[in-house]
Protein backbone atom coordinates (compact mmCIF):
# COMPACT_ATOMS: atom_id res chain seq x y z
CA MET A 1 0.00 -0.01 0.00
CA ILE A 2 1.38 3.35 -1.02
CA ASN A 3 0.85 6.20 1.59
CA MET A 4 0.07 9.49 -0.08
CA LEU A 5 0.43 12.89 1.61
CA LYS A 6 -2.15 15.18 0.22
CA LYS A 7 -2.99 18.86 0.95
CA ILE A 8 -6.56 20.09 1.18
CA SER A 9 -8.30 23.20 2.28
CA ALA A 10 -10.28 23.23 5.44
CA MET A 11 -13.47 24.00 3.55
CA LYS A 12 -12.98 21.04 1.15
CA ALA A 13 -12.06 18.83 4.11
CA ARG A 14 -15.28 19.67 5.84
CA GLN A 15 -17.31 19.15 2.64
CA ASN A 16 -15.72 15.80 1.91
CA LEU A 17 -15.00 14.40 5.35
CA GLY A 18 -16.60 11.00 4.68
CA GLN A 19 -14.52 10.51 1.52
CA LEU A 20 -11.26 11.57 3.34
CA LEU A 21 -11.90 9.21 6.09
CA ASN A 22 -12.24 6.36 3.60
CA GLU A 23 -9.00 7.40 1.84
CA VAL A 24 -7.09 7.56 5.07
CA SER A 25 -8.45 4.45 6.72
CA ILE A 26 -8.55 2.20 3.64
CA ARG A 27 -5.82 3.40 1.39
CA GLY A 28 -3.52 4.83 4.05
CA ASP A 29 -3.38 8.34 2.61
CA SER A 30 -2.61 11.29 4.89
CA TYR A 31 -3.86 14.82 4.59
CA VAL A 32 -2.55 18.21 5.65
CA ILE A 33 -5.51 20.43 6.10
CA GLU A 34 -4.76 24.11 5.33
CA ARG A 35 -6.48 27.39 5.87
CA ALA A 36 -5.35 30.35 3.64
CA GLY A 37 -2.40 28.11 2.55
CA LYS A 38 -1.13 27.60 6.14
CA PRO A 39 -1.16 24.02 7.58
CA LEU A 40 -3.54 23.68 10.53
CA ALA A 41 -3.87 19.96 11.15
CA ALA A 42 -3.17 16.54 9.80
CA LEU A 43 -5.52 13.55 9.07
CA VAL A 44 -3.69 10.26 9.39
CA ASP A 45 -4.71 6.60 9.80
CA MET A 46 -4.78 5.05 13.28
CA GLU A 47 -1.63 2.99 12.64
CA ARG A 48 0.36 6.17 11.87
CA PHE A 49 -1.16 8.03 14.80
CA GLN A 50 -0.21 5.19 17.19
CA GLN A 51 3.30 5.15 15.79
CA LEU A 52 3.59 8.89 16.48
CA GLN A 53 2.32 8.38 19.99
CA GLU A 54 4.81 5.57 20.61
CA ASP A 55 7.65 7.75 19.22
CA GLN A 56 6.65 10.63 21.46
CA ASN A 57 6.48 8.22 24.52
CA ALA A 58 9.94 6.85 23.70
CA ALA A 59 11.36 10.36 23.42
CA LEU A 60 9.86 11.35 26.74
CA GLN A 61 11.20 8.19 28.37
CA SER A 62 14.67 8.98 27.04
CA LEU A 63 14.34 12.50 28.35
CA LYS A 64 13.35 11.17 31.83
CA GLY A 65 16.34 8.80 31.76
CA ILE A 66 18.63 11.71 30.96
CA TRP A 67 17.18 13.76 33.86
CA ASP A 68 17.54 10.80 36.23
CA LYS A 69 21.19 10.35 35.20
CA MET A 70 21.91 14.09 35.69
CA GLN A 71 20.76 14.21 39.26
CA GLY A 72 23.96 14.73 41.27
CA ALA A 73 26.13 14.37 38.20
CA ASP A 74 29.23 16.47 37.53
CA SER A 75 29.32 18.65 34.41
CA ARG A 76 31.21 15.98 32.34
CA GLU A 77 28.55 13.39 33.07
CA ALA A 78 25.82 15.80 32.32
CA GLN A 79 27.45 16.62 28.99
CA GLN A 80 27.72 12.90 28.13
CA ALA A 81 24.00 12.37 28.99
CA ILE A 82 23.07 15.37 26.75
CA GLU A 83 25.00 13.92 23.95
CA GLU A 84 23.30 10.57 24.28
CA ALA A 85 19.88 12.28 24.25
CA VAL A 86 20.76 14.24 21.20
CA LEU A 87 21.87 11.07 19.33
CA ALA A 88 18.74 9.21 20.30
CA THR A 89 16.55 12.05 19.25
CA ARG A 90 18.37 12.39 15.84
CA LYS A 91 17.82 8.68 15.20
CA THR A 92 14.04 9.02 15.81
CA LYS A 93 13.79 12.26 13.82
CA ALA A 94 15.81 10.73 10.84
CA SER A 95 13.49 7.82 10.77
CA THR A 96 10.41 10.04 10.81
CA GLN A 97 11.82 12.43 8.20
CA THR A 98 12.78 9.55 5.86
CA HIS A 99 9.13 8.34 6.05
CA LEU A 100 7.78 11.89 5.51
CA ARG A 101 10.10 12.41 2.43
CA GLN A 102 8.87 9.20 0.94
CA GLN A 103 5.31 10.33 1.39
CA GLU A 104 6.14 13.75 -0.05
CA LYS A 105 7.55 12.14 -3.21
CA ASN A 106 4.20 10.46 -3.68
CA SER A 107 2.08 13.55 -2.70
CA ILE A 108 -0.67 15.04 -4.76
CA LYS A 109 -1.73 18.65 -4.17
CA ILE A 110 -5.48 19.00 -4.28
CA THR A 111 -6.60 22.30 -5.78
CA THR A 112 -8.16 24.61 -3.15
CA SER A 113 -10.92 26.88 -3.98
């Protein structure tokens, strides 16, 4: 299944919500909903949403681990913990960006009116 990232105006999204829900849930498409050309929200399938939630929870757990390590640590230990957090965050971000770039390659812009 090819996931498509599409852009749609808020007005068209409201008028075609049922169709959009089918495209998202059945075909795996994703939508960026815009107002006056500015992104306001995204409509994604539940699998993608759950993955985003898991990624967010993992990042928060990493951050909590860093804070726990930093309690009572000297500056050298704190710097090492920060570097570990940065590397972990970059890995997660790189994975997400790769996925988004792939979707962007397959995107179709819907004409807004």
